[in-house]
């Protein structure tokens, strides 16, 4: 979580979902990163605040950042397939 950013500017899960992203990446100081599906969390939850909800599966500490996992966006694979030469 970056305290220098105003919390009012943080992206909510609802906003993230409108961009067809259903996962967040949680990064830990130990170097581990994981993509976590957040379908079960409310739309009002703020993406950077999710650090408080997760624990690293490698070291057990809280991650230092969470951000949308843009590569898992629902329409990403369809765009890649349409960009391939036929």
C-alpha atoms as a PDB file:
ATOM      1  CA  UNK A   1       0.000   0.000   0.000  1.00  0.00           C
ATOM      2  CA  UNK A   2       1.327   3.432  -0.880  1.00  0.00           C
ATOM      3  CA  UNK A   3       0.441   5.958   1.849  1.00  0.00           C
ATOM      4  CA  UNK A   4       1.466   8.905  -0.322  1.00  0.00           C
ATOM      5  CA  UNK A   5      -1.594   8.352  -2.515  1.00  0.00           C
ATOM      6  CA  UNK A   6      -4.877   9.819  -1.352  1.00  0.00           C
ATOM      7  CA  UNK A   7      -7.213   6.970  -0.413  1.00  0.00           C
ATOM      8  CA  UNK A   8     -10.068   8.670  -2.281  1.00  0.00           C
ATOM      9  CA  UNK A   9      -8.132   8.084  -5.525  1.00  0.00           C
ATOM     10  CA  UNK A  10      -7.688   4.341  -4.970  1.00  0.00           C
ATOM     11  CA  UNK A  11      -9.359   2.063  -7.502  1.00  0.00           C
ATOM     12  CA  UNK A  12     -12.293   0.103  -6.136  1.00  0.00           C
ATOM     13  CA  UNK A  13     -13.001  -3.503  -7.042  1.00  0.00           C
ATOM     14  CA  UNK A  14     -16.218  -2.331  -8.708  1.00  0.00           C
ATOM     15  CA  UNK A  15     -14.240  -0.030 -11.001  1.00  0.00           C
ATOM     16  CA  UNK A  16     -11.695  -2.767 -11.652  1.00  0.00           C
ATOM     17  CA  UNK A  17     -14.501  -5.166 -12.603  1.00  0.00           C
ATOM     18  CA  UNK A  18     -15.915  -2.686 -15.121  1.00  0.00           C
ATOM     19  CA  UNK A  19     -12.556  -3.092 -16.882  1.00  0.00           C
ATOM     20  CA  UNK A  20     -13.121  -6.885 -16.894  1.00  0.00           C
ATOM     21  CA  UNK A  21     -10.381  -7.636 -14.373  1.00  0.00           C
ATOM     22  CA  UNK A  22     -11.300 -10.184 -11.693  1.00  0.00           C
ATOM     23  CA  UNK A  23      -7.902 -10.809 -10.047  1.00  0.00           C
ATOM     24  CA  UNK A  24      -5.378  -8.728  -8.135  1.00  0.00           C
ATOM     25  CA  UNK A  25      -1.639  -9.341  -7.832  1.00  0.00           C
ATOM     26  CA  UNK A  26      -0.410  -9.415  -4.233  1.00  0.00           C
ATOM     27  CA  UNK A  27       3.347  -8.792  -3.935  1.00  0.00           C
ATOM     28  CA  UNK A  28       5.333  -9.635  -0.812  1.00  0.00           C
ATOM     29  CA  UNK A  29       8.697  -8.363   0.370  1.00  0.00           C
ATOM     30  CA  UNK A  30      10.046 -11.925   0.269  1.00  0.00           C
ATOM     31  CA  UNK A  31       9.777 -11.763  -3.527  1.00  0.00           C
ATOM     32  CA  UNK A  32       6.672 -13.891  -3.873  1.00  0.00           C
ATOM     33  CA  UNK A  33       3.743 -12.643  -5.963  1.00  0.00           C
ATOM     34  CA  UNK A  34       0.383 -14.290  -6.519  1.00  0.00           C
ATOM     35  CA  UNK A  35      -2.701 -13.588  -8.583  1.00  0.00           C
ATOM     36  CA  UNK A  36      -5.771 -13.743  -6.336  1.00  0.00           C
ATOM     37  CA  UNK A  37      -9.372 -13.922  -7.527  1.00  0.00           C
ATOM     38  CA  UNK A  38     -11.448 -11.356  -5.622  1.00  0.00           C
ATOM     39  CA  UNK A  39     -14.943 -12.178  -6.927  1.00  0.00           C
ATOM     40  CA  UNK A  40     -16.167 -12.796  -3.378  1.00  0.00           C
ATOM     41  CA  UNK A  41     -15.222  -9.300  -2.115  1.00  0.00           C
ATOM     42  CA  UNK A  42     -17.565  -6.284  -2.293  1.00  0.00           C
ATOM     43  CA  UNK A  43     -17.365  -3.690  -5.075  1.00  0.00           C
ATOM     44  CA  UNK A  44     -16.629  -0.943  -2.514  1.00  0.00           C
ATOM     45  CA  UNK A  45     -13.334  -2.541  -1.415  1.00  0.00           C
ATOM     46  CA  UNK A  46     -10.285  -0.541  -2.498  1.00  0.00           C
ATOM     47  CA  UNK A  47      -7.572  -2.442  -4.363  1.00  0.00           C
ATOM     48  CA  UNK A  48      -4.545  -1.137  -2.349  1.00  0.00           C
ATOM     49  CA  UNK A  49      -6.354  -1.807   0.955  1.00  0.00           C
ATOM     50  CA  UNK A  50      -6.592  -5.514   0.145  1.00  0.00           C
ATOM     51  CA  UNK A  51      -3.063  -5.928   1.563  1.00  0.00           C
ATOM     52  CA  UNK A  52      -4.716  -6.051   4.978  1.00  0.00           C
ATOM     53  CA  UNK A  53      -6.817  -9.081   3.977  1.00  0.00           C
ATOM     54  CA  UNK A  54      -4.089 -11.313   2.539  1.00  0.00           C
ATOM     55  CA  UNK A  55      -1.082 -13.260   3.812  1.00  0.00           C
ATOM     56  CA  UNK A  56       1.846 -14.470   1.744  1.00  0.00           C
ATOM     57  CA  UNK A  57       1.648 -18.238   1.188  1.00  0.00           C
ATOM     58  CA  UNK A  58       5.453 -18.448   1.245  1.00  0.00           C
ATOM     59  CA  UNK A  59       6.510 -16.456   4.346  1.00  0.00           C
ATOM     60  CA  UNK A  60       3.194 -15.704   6.097  1.00  0.00           C
ATOM     61  CA  UNK A  61       3.625 -11.917   6.162  1.00  0.00           C
ATOM     62  CA  UNK A  62       1.244  -9.354   4.721  1.00  0.00           C
ATOM     63  CA  UNK A  63       1.954  -8.294   1.130  1.00  0.00           C
ATOM     64  CA  UNK A  64       3.276  -4.775   0.572  1.00  0.00           C
ATOM     65  CA  UNK A  65       1.139  -4.071  -2.498  1.00  0.00           C
ATOM     66  CA  UNK A  66      -1.934  -5.202  -4.348  1.00  0.00           C
ATOM     67  CA  UNK A  67      -2.836  -4.052  -7.830  1.00  0.00           C
ATOM     68  CA  UNK A  68      -5.157  -5.155 -10.637  1.00  0.00           C
ATOM     69  CA  UNK A  69      -3.856  -8.188 -12.515  1.00  0.00           C
ATOM     70  CA  UNK A  70      -4.325  -6.681 -15.981  1.00  0.00           C
ATOM     71  CA  UNK A  71      -2.967  -9.700 -17.933  1.00  0.00           C
ATOM     72  CA  UNK A  72      -5.863 -11.812 -16.593  1.00  0.00           C
ATOM     73  CA  UNK A  73      -8.420  -9.419 -18.067  1.00  0.00           C
ATOM     74  CA  UNK A  74     -11.318 -11.436 -19.485  1.00  0.00           C
ATOM     75  CA  UNK A  75     -10.988 -10.252 -23.093  1.00  0.00           C
ATOM     76  CA  UNK A  76      -7.168 -10.400 -23.237  1.00  0.00           C
ATOM     77  CA  UNK A  77      -7.026 -13.899 -24.756  1.00  0.00           C
ATOM     78  CA  UNK A  78      -9.621 -13.048 -27.418  1.00  0.00           C
ATOM     79  CA  UNK A  79      -7.571  -9.993 -28.445  1.00  0.00           C
ATOM     80  CA  UNK A  80      -4.404 -12.078 -28.679  1.00  0.00           C
ATOM     81  CA  UNK A  81      -6.111 -14.681 -30.858  1.00  0.00           C
ATOM     82  CA  UNK A  82      -7.533 -12.052 -33.217  1.00  0.00           C
ATOM     83  CA  UNK A  83      -4.074 -10.435 -33.569  1.00  0.00           C
ATOM     84  CA  UNK A  84      -2.480 -13.681 -34.777  1.00  0.00           C
ATOM     85  CA  UNK A  85      -1.991 -14.036 -38.536  1.00  0.00           C
ATOM     86  CA  UNK A  86      -4.405 -16.479 -40.116  1.00  0.00           C
END
